[in-house]
Structure formats: structure tokens, C-alpha cells
Amino acid sequence: MATVSTPSGALLGASTRQIAAFKGIPYAAPPFGPNRFLPPRPVQPWQGVRDALGYGATAPKAPYPAPADQLLPEVDIGRTAAPSPRAPARCRSTTAAGSPATASSASPSTIASARRDVSSSARGDTANLGR
């Protein structure tokens, strides 16, 4: 075990072969209540030694409960032109042969069209999907 002192308080981390690891250290106050929709606020100092042996909570991820699952489809434009199979059909890209589009099979115009569709869908503008 390793301990370090910070301006916010002391942390307890793990030490293996002279390498210390401190995980889940808060860098800002939680964005809830009066901090919601505001720039990050400084973390509140703590008393005693804070456990930094594991990572903290993460942002919510799919699958979402209904009806949020219909409002927040899993769309992965970054790796392929085709979103995950859980996405609604209007967000799926296919090749001319009807097979799922991938980054290697999709043309730049197809990828740009898919990005426009996702942006339109996110704004609620469904009139121009697929154009």
C-alpha cells in the first residue's frame, strides 16, 4: 500500500514493484444539484485517508431502460459506417448489395450521409433521413 498527500486530502493506493497506483481520484465536485449544467467546481477536501484502490462510477451506458432505449440508440460512427445492431433500422447503413456497411466498404459520401442522419435524428429532424 502507498499513501500520498494532496491539497484535497490523503489518498491510499496500491504499490507493486515500486510502482504506486492511485485510481478514482476525484478531479471536480460531482455535477449534481447546484453544480448541474455549470463548469466543473473544485472537489471538496476530505478528512482522513480516501481509498484510491479502485475506479469510481462511470457515465450510464446502453442498454437503457424503455423508453430511453428508443431515444438513445447506440450509434458508433467512429469505427465503422454501421452502428451497433441495437440501433434502429433508420440508423443502419448498408452497401448496394444489402450487406452491412463497414469502414472498408463504405464510400466517404455514405459515411457523410450516415453522419448527417445521426445528427438529424439527434435534433429530432427526421424528415431528411437517408437523403
N, C-alpha and C. Protein backbone atom coordinates (compact mmCIF):
# COMPACT_ATOMS: atom_id res chain seq x y z
N MET A 1 0.85 -1.19 0.00
CA MET A 1 0.00 0.00 0.00
C MET A 1 0.88 1.24 0.00
N ALA A 2 0.34 2.30 -0.62
CA ALA A 2 1.05 3.56 -0.70
C ALA A 2 0.10 4.69 -0.31
N THR A 3 0.61 5.70 0.34
CA THR A 3 -0.19 6.85 0.73
C THR A 3 0.47 8.11 0.19
N VAL A 4 -0.37 9.04 -0.27
CA VAL A 4 0.14 10.31 -0.78
C VAL A 4 -0.78 11.42 -0.26
N SER A 5 -0.22 12.58 -0.04
CA SER A 5 -0.99 13.72 0.42
C SER A 5 -1.22 14.68 -0.75
N THR A 6 -2.49 15.13 -0.92
CA THR A 6 -2.83 16.11 -1.97
C THR A 6 -3.45 17.32 -1.29
N PRO A 7 -3.65 18.42 -2.01
CA PRO A 7 -4.31 19.58 -1.41
C PRO A 7 -5.73 19.27 -0.93
N SER A 8 -6.37 18.24 -1.49
CA SER A 8 -7.73 17.88 -1.09
C SER A 8 -7.77 16.89 0.05
N GLY A 9 -6.68 16.18 0.31
CA GLY A 9 -6.63 15.20 1.37
C GLY A 9 -5.69 14.06 1.03
N ALA A 10 -5.57 13.09 1.92
CA ALA A 10 -4.67 11.96 1.73
C ALA A 10 -5.36 10.85 0.93
N LEU A 11 -4.56 10.11 0.14
CA LEU A 11 -5.06 9.01 -0.68
C LEU A 11 -4.30 7.73 -0.36
N LEU A 12 -5.03 6.62 -0.37
CA LEU A 12 -4.43 5.30 -0.20
C LEU A 12 -4.48 4.58 -1.54
N GLY A 13 -3.32 4.19 -2.06
CA GLY A 13 -3.25 3.48 -3.32
C GLY A 13 -2.51 2.17 -3.17
N ALA A 14 -2.36 1.48 -4.28
CA ALA A 14 -1.65 0.19 -4.29
C ALA A 14 -0.23 0.41 -4.78
N SER A 15 0.68 -0.41 -4.29
CA SER A 15 2.07 -0.33 -4.70
C SER A 15 2.56 -1.73 -5.06
N THR A 16 3.07 -1.86 -6.28
CA THR A 16 3.59 -3.12 -6.77
C THR A 16 4.94 -2.87 -7.41
N ARG A 17 5.96 -3.56 -6.98
CA ARG A 17 7.31 -3.42 -7.53
C ARG A 17 7.73 -1.96 -7.69
N GLN A 18 7.58 -1.20 -6.66
CA GLN A 18 7.99 0.20 -6.59
C GLN A 18 7.19 1.11 -7.52
N ILE A 19 6.01 0.67 -7.97
CA ILE A 19 5.12 1.50 -8.78
C ILE A 19 3.83 1.68 -7.99
N ALA A 20 3.50 2.94 -7.72
CA ALA A 20 2.28 3.24 -6.96
C ALA A 20 1.15 3.61 -7.93
N ALA A 21 -0.04 3.10 -7.67
CA ALA A 21 -1.21 3.40 -8.49
C ALA A 21 -2.33 3.94 -7.61
N PHE A 22 -2.86 5.09 -8.00
CA PHE A 22 -3.97 5.72 -7.30
C PHE A 22 -5.11 5.88 -8.30
N LYS A 23 -6.23 5.22 -8.06
CA LYS A 23 -7.34 5.20 -9.02
C LYS A 23 -8.56 5.91 -8.46
N GLY A 24 -9.38 6.43 -9.37
CA GLY A 24 -10.65 7.03 -8.97
C GLY A 24 -10.51 8.31 -8.17
N ILE A 25 -9.46 9.06 -8.40
CA ILE A 25 -9.26 10.32 -7.67
C ILE A 25 -10.21 11.37 -8.25
N PRO A 26 -11.06 11.98 -7.45
CA PRO A 26 -11.98 12.99 -7.99
C PRO A 26 -11.22 14.24 -8.42
N TYR A 27 -11.54 14.73 -9.61
CA TYR A 27 -10.89 15.94 -10.11
C TYR A 27 -11.80 17.15 -10.02
N ALA A 28 -13.07 16.92 -9.69
CA ALA A 28 -14.03 18.01 -9.56
C ALA A 28 -15.18 17.55 -8.68
N ALA A 29 -15.97 18.52 -8.22
CA ALA A 29 -17.16 18.20 -7.44
C ALA A 29 -18.16 17.49 -8.34
N PRO A 30 -18.99 16.61 -7.81
CA PRO A 30 -19.99 15.93 -8.64
C PRO A 30 -20.91 16.93 -9.33
N PRO A 31 -21.29 16.67 -10.60
CA PRO A 31 -22.12 17.62 -11.36
C PRO A 31 -23.61 17.46 -11.09
N PHE A 32 -24.02 17.42 -9.84
CA PHE A 32 -25.41 17.23 -9.47
C PHE A 32 -25.89 18.42 -8.67
N GLY A 33 -27.20 18.52 -8.48
CA GLY A 33 -27.78 19.58 -7.67
C GLY A 33 -27.38 20.95 -8.17
N PRO A 34 -26.81 21.79 -7.30
CA PRO A 34 -26.48 23.17 -7.72
C PRO A 34 -25.34 23.22 -8.75
N ASN A 35 -24.59 22.13 -8.92
CA ASN A 35 -23.48 22.13 -9.89
C ASN A 35 -23.92 21.68 -11.28
N ARG A 36 -25.18 21.28 -11.45
CA ARG A 36 -25.64 20.78 -12.74
C ARG A 36 -25.62 21.90 -13.79
N PHE A 37 -25.13 21.58 -14.97
CA PHE A 37 -25.04 22.49 -16.12
C PHE A 37 -24.07 23.65 -15.88
N LEU A 38 -23.16 23.50 -14.95
CA LEU A 38 -22.16 24.52 -14.68
C LEU A 38 -20.78 23.97 -15.00
N PRO A 39 -19.80 24.85 -15.19
CA PRO A 39 -18.42 24.37 -15.36
C PRO A 39 -17.99 23.58 -14.13
N PRO A 40 -17.00 22.72 -14.25
CA PRO A 40 -16.54 21.94 -13.09
C PRO A 40 -16.18 22.83 -11.91
N ARG A 41 -16.54 22.38 -10.73
CA ARG A 41 -16.21 23.07 -9.48
C ARG A 41 -15.12 22.28 -8.77
N PRO A 42 -14.32 22.93 -7.95
CA PRO A 42 -13.27 22.20 -7.23
C PRO A 42 -13.87 21.11 -6.34
N VAL A 43 -13.15 20.03 -6.18
CA VAL A 43 -13.58 18.95 -5.31
C VAL A 43 -13.50 19.43 -3.85
N GLN A 44 -14.44 18.97 -3.04
CA GLN A 44 -14.43 19.33 -1.63
C GLN A 44 -13.34 18.52 -0.92
N PRO A 45 -12.47 19.17 -0.13
CA PRO A 45 -11.44 18.42 0.60
C PRO A 45 -12.09 17.40 1.55
N TRP A 46 -11.37 16.32 1.82
CA TRP A 46 -11.88 15.29 2.72
C TRP A 46 -10.95 15.13 3.90
N GLN A 47 -11.50 14.57 4.97
CA GLN A 47 -10.74 14.29 6.18
C GLN A 47 -10.28 12.85 6.15
N GLY A 48 -9.18 12.55 6.75
CA GLY A 48 -8.69 11.18 6.81
C GLY A 48 -8.05 10.75 5.49
N VAL A 49 -7.99 9.44 5.27
CA VAL A 49 -7.36 8.89 4.07
C VAL A 49 -8.45 8.31 3.17
N ARG A 50 -8.51 8.78 1.92
CA ARG A 50 -9.50 8.32 0.95
C ARG A 50 -8.95 7.11 0.19
N ASP A 51 -9.77 6.08 0.04
CA ASP A 51 -9.41 4.87 -0.69
C ASP A 51 -9.29 5.19 -2.18
N ALA A 52 -8.13 4.95 -2.77
CA ALA A 52 -7.90 5.15 -4.20
C ALA A 52 -7.42 3.84 -4.82
N LEU A 53 -8.00 2.73 -4.37
CA LEU A 53 -7.61 1.40 -4.85
C LEU A 53 -8.41 0.97 -6.08
N GLY A 54 -9.55 1.59 -6.34
CA GLY A 54 -10.39 1.22 -7.49
C GLY A 54 -10.95 2.45 -8.17
N TYR A 55 -11.43 2.25 -9.41
CA TYR A 55 -12.01 3.35 -10.17
C TYR A 55 -13.38 3.71 -9.64
N GLY A 56 -13.80 4.94 -9.87
CA GLY A 56 -15.10 5.41 -9.44
C GLY A 56 -16.18 5.05 -10.44
N ALA A 57 -17.36 5.62 -10.24
CA ALA A 57 -18.51 5.36 -11.11
C ALA A 57 -18.25 5.94 -12.50
N THR A 58 -18.92 5.36 -13.51
CA THR A 58 -18.81 5.84 -14.88
C THR A 58 -20.17 6.37 -15.33
N ALA A 59 -20.19 7.01 -16.47
CA ALA A 59 -21.44 7.50 -17.05
C ALA A 59 -22.32 6.32 -17.45
N PRO A 60 -23.63 6.50 -17.45
CA PRO A 60 -24.52 5.41 -17.86
C PRO A 60 -24.24 4.96 -19.29
N LYS A 61 -24.38 3.66 -19.54
CA LYS A 61 -24.15 3.09 -20.86
C LYS A 61 -25.33 2.20 -21.22
N ALA A 62 -25.49 1.97 -22.52
CA ALA A 62 -26.57 1.10 -23.01
C ALA A 62 -26.35 -0.32 -22.50
N PRO A 63 -27.33 -1.16 -22.37
CA PRO A 63 -28.71 -0.91 -22.76
C PRO A 63 -29.45 -0.06 -21.73
N TYR A 64 -30.23 0.90 -22.24
CA TYR A 64 -31.01 1.77 -21.39
C TYR A 64 -32.40 1.18 -21.19
N PRO A 65 -33.06 1.49 -20.08
CA PRO A 65 -34.43 1.02 -19.89
C PRO A 65 -35.39 1.77 -20.82
N ALA A 66 -36.51 1.16 -21.15
CA ALA A 66 -37.52 1.82 -22.00
C ALA A 66 -38.08 3.01 -21.25
N PRO A 67 -38.46 4.07 -21.86
CA PRO A 67 -38.41 4.38 -23.28
C PRO A 67 -37.10 5.00 -23.73
N ALA A 68 -36.14 5.16 -22.81
CA ALA A 68 -34.86 5.79 -23.18
C ALA A 68 -34.12 4.98 -24.24
N ASP A 69 -34.35 3.67 -24.32
CA ASP A 69 -33.66 2.86 -25.32
C ASP A 69 -34.03 3.29 -26.74
N GLN A 70 -35.24 3.85 -26.93
CA GLN A 70 -35.64 4.32 -28.25
C GLN A 70 -35.11 5.72 -28.54
N LEU A 71 -34.88 6.49 -27.50
CA LEU A 71 -34.39 7.86 -27.65
C LEU A 71 -32.88 7.94 -27.78
N LEU A 72 -32.16 6.95 -27.23
CA LEU A 72 -30.70 6.97 -27.21
C LEU A 72 -30.12 5.72 -27.87
N PRO A 73 -30.26 5.58 -29.20
CA PRO A 73 -29.71 4.38 -29.84
C PRO A 73 -28.20 4.36 -29.75
N GLU A 74 -27.62 3.17 -29.70
CA GLU A 74 -26.17 3.03 -29.72
C GLU A 74 -25.70 3.18 -31.16
N VAL A 75 -25.09 4.29 -31.48
CA VAL A 75 -24.58 4.55 -32.83
C VAL A 75 -23.09 4.77 -32.72
N ASP A 76 -22.32 3.95 -33.43
CA ASP A 76 -20.86 4.03 -33.37
C ASP A 76 -20.33 4.45 -34.72
N ILE A 77 -20.31 5.73 -34.99
CA ILE A 77 -19.82 6.25 -36.27
C ILE A 77 -18.30 6.25 -36.31
N GLY A 78 -17.65 6.28 -35.16
CA GLY A 78 -16.19 6.41 -35.10
C GLY A 78 -15.43 5.24 -35.70
N ARG A 79 -15.91 4.01 -35.55
CA ARG A 79 -15.15 2.86 -36.01
C ARG A 79 -15.65 2.30 -37.34
N THR A 80 -16.94 2.36 -37.61
CA THR A 80 -17.49 1.85 -38.86
C THR A 80 -18.62 2.77 -39.29
N ALA A 81 -19.04 2.62 -40.53
CA ALA A 81 -20.18 3.40 -41.00
C ALA A 81 -21.48 2.82 -40.47
N ALA A 82 -21.44 1.58 -39.99
CA ALA A 82 -22.65 0.92 -39.49
C ALA A 82 -22.69 0.97 -37.98
N PRO A 83 -23.79 1.44 -37.38
CA PRO A 83 -23.91 1.43 -35.93
C PRO A 83 -24.13 0.02 -35.41
N SER A 84 -24.19 -0.10 -34.11
CA SER A 84 -24.37 -1.41 -33.50
C SER A 84 -25.72 -2.01 -33.90
N PRO A 85 -25.88 -3.32 -33.79
CA PRO A 85 -27.14 -3.96 -34.16
C PRO A 85 -28.33 -3.50 -33.33
N ARG A 86 -28.09 -2.89 -32.17
CA ARG A 86 -29.19 -2.42 -31.32
C ARG A 86 -29.80 -1.13 -31.83
N ALA A 87 -29.14 -0.46 -32.78
CA ALA A 87 -29.64 0.82 -33.27
C ALA A 87 -30.87 0.61 -34.14
N PRO A 88 -31.79 1.59 -34.18
CA PRO A 88 -32.96 1.48 -35.05
C PRO A 88 -32.54 1.33 -36.51
N ALA A 89 -33.40 0.71 -37.31
CA ALA A 89 -33.08 0.44 -38.72
C ALA A 89 -32.75 1.71 -39.47
N ARG A 90 -33.38 2.84 -39.14
CA ARG A 90 -33.11 4.07 -39.88
C ARG A 90 -31.67 4.55 -39.71
N CYS A 91 -30.95 4.03 -38.71
CA CYS A 91 -29.57 4.44 -38.46
C CYS A 91 -28.55 3.45 -39.01
N ARG A 92 -29.02 2.34 -39.59
CA ARG A 92 -28.09 1.34 -40.10
C ARG A 92 -27.74 1.63 -41.54
N SER A 93 -26.47 1.50 -41.90
CA SER A 93 -26.01 1.70 -43.27
C SER A 93 -25.77 0.35 -43.92
N THR A 94 -26.09 0.24 -45.21
CA THR A 94 -25.82 -0.99 -45.94
C THR A 94 -25.14 -0.66 -47.26
N THR A 95 -24.48 -1.64 -47.82
CA THR A 95 -23.87 -1.48 -49.14
C THR A 95 -24.94 -1.65 -50.20
N ALA A 96 -24.60 -1.41 -51.47
CA ALA A 96 -25.55 -1.59 -52.57
C ALA A 96 -26.06 -3.02 -52.62
N ALA A 97 -25.24 -3.99 -52.19
CA ALA A 97 -25.65 -5.39 -52.19
C ALA A 97 -26.54 -5.73 -51.01
N GLY A 98 -26.73 -4.78 -50.09
CA GLY A 98 -27.60 -5.03 -48.95
C GLY A 98 -26.90 -5.54 -47.71
N SER A 99 -25.59 -5.77 -47.77
CA SER A 99 -24.87 -6.23 -46.58
C SER A 99 -24.49 -5.04 -45.72
N PRO A 100 -24.25 -5.26 -44.41
CA PRO A 100 -23.89 -4.14 -43.53
C PRO A 100 -22.64 -3.42 -44.02
N ALA A 101 -22.68 -2.10 -43.99
CA ALA A 101 -21.53 -1.30 -44.41
C ALA A 101 -20.48 -1.29 -43.32
N THR A 102 -19.24 -1.33 -43.71
CA THR A 102 -18.12 -1.20 -42.77
C THR A 102 -17.25 -0.07 -43.25
N ALA A 103 -16.28 0.31 -42.44
CA ALA A 103 -15.39 1.41 -42.83
C ALA A 103 -14.68 1.09 -44.15
N SER A 104 -14.38 -0.19 -44.41
CA SER A 104 -13.67 -0.54 -45.64
C SER A 104 -14.60 -0.61 -46.84
N SER A 105 -15.94 -0.84 -46.63
CA SER A 105 -16.85 -0.98 -47.76
C SER A 105 -17.63 0.30 -48.05
N ALA A 106 -17.64 1.25 -47.12
CA ALA A 106 -18.44 2.46 -47.30
C ALA A 106 -17.62 3.55 -47.98
N SER A 107 -18.28 4.25 -48.90
CA SER A 107 -17.63 5.38 -49.55
C SER A 107 -17.67 6.58 -48.61
N PRO A 108 -16.82 7.56 -48.84
CA PRO A 108 -16.86 8.76 -47.99
C PRO A 108 -18.23 9.44 -48.01
N SER A 109 -18.93 9.41 -49.16
CA SER A 109 -20.25 10.04 -49.20
C SER A 109 -21.26 9.26 -48.37
N THR A 110 -21.13 7.92 -48.32
CA THR A 110 -22.02 7.11 -47.49
C THR A 110 -21.80 7.42 -46.02
N ILE A 111 -20.55 7.53 -45.62
CA ILE A 111 -20.23 7.85 -44.23
C ILE A 111 -20.76 9.23 -43.88
N ALA A 112 -20.56 10.22 -44.79
CA ALA A 112 -21.06 11.57 -44.54
C ALA A 112 -22.58 11.57 -44.41
N SER A 113 -23.26 10.76 -45.26
CA SER A 113 -24.72 10.67 -45.18
C SER A 113 -25.16 10.08 -43.85
N ALA A 114 -24.46 9.04 -43.39
CA ALA A 114 -24.79 8.42 -42.10
C ALA A 114 -24.60 9.41 -40.97
N ARG A 115 -23.55 10.22 -41.05
CA ARG A 115 -23.32 11.22 -40.00
C ARG A 115 -24.43 12.26 -40.01
N ARG A 116 -24.87 12.68 -41.22
CA ARG A 116 -25.97 13.65 -41.29
C ARG A 116 -27.24 13.05 -40.71
N ASP A 117 -27.50 11.76 -41.03
CA ASP A 117 -28.69 11.10 -40.49
C ASP A 117 -28.67 11.08 -38.98
N VAL A 118 -27.53 10.74 -38.39
CA VAL A 118 -27.42 10.67 -36.94
C VAL A 118 -27.61 12.06 -36.34
N SER A 119 -27.01 13.09 -36.96
CA SER A 119 -27.17 14.46 -36.46
C SER A 119 -28.62 14.90 -36.56
N SER A 120 -29.28 14.60 -37.69
CA SER A 120 -30.68 14.97 -37.86
C SER A 120 -31.54 14.27 -36.84
N SER A 121 -31.28 12.99 -36.64
CA SER A 121 -32.05 12.21 -35.68
C SER A 121 -31.88 12.76 -34.27
N ALA A 122 -30.66 13.15 -33.93
CA ALA A 122 -30.39 13.69 -32.59
C ALA A 122 -31.13 15.00 -32.37
N ARG A 123 -31.30 15.78 -33.46
CA ARG A 123 -32.03 17.04 -33.35
C ARG A 123 -33.54 16.84 -33.43
N GLY A 124 -33.98 15.63 -33.77
CA GLY A 124 -35.39 15.36 -33.91
C GLY A 124 -35.90 15.63 -35.31
N ASP A 125 -35.00 15.99 -36.24
CA ASP A 125 -35.36 16.30 -37.62
C ASP A 125 -35.31 15.01 -38.44
N THR A 126 -36.44 14.30 -38.51
CA THR A 126 -36.45 13.01 -39.21
C THR A 126 -36.91 13.12 -40.65
N ALA A 127 -37.28 14.31 -41.10
CA ALA A 127 -37.79 14.48 -42.46
C ALA A 127 -36.73 14.23 -43.51
N ASN A 128 -35.45 14.48 -43.19
CA ASN A 128 -34.40 14.37 -44.19
C ASN A 128 -33.52 13.14 -44.01
N LEU A 129 -33.96 12.16 -43.23
CA LEU A 129 -33.15 10.96 -43.02
C LEU A 129 -32.99 10.21 -44.33
N GLY A 130 -31.74 9.76 -44.61
CA GLY A 130 -31.45 8.96 -45.79
C GLY A 130 -31.29 9.75 -47.06
N ARG A 131 -31.29 11.07 -47.01
CA ARG A 131 -31.14 11.89 -48.23
C ARG A 131 -29.74 12.37 -48.40
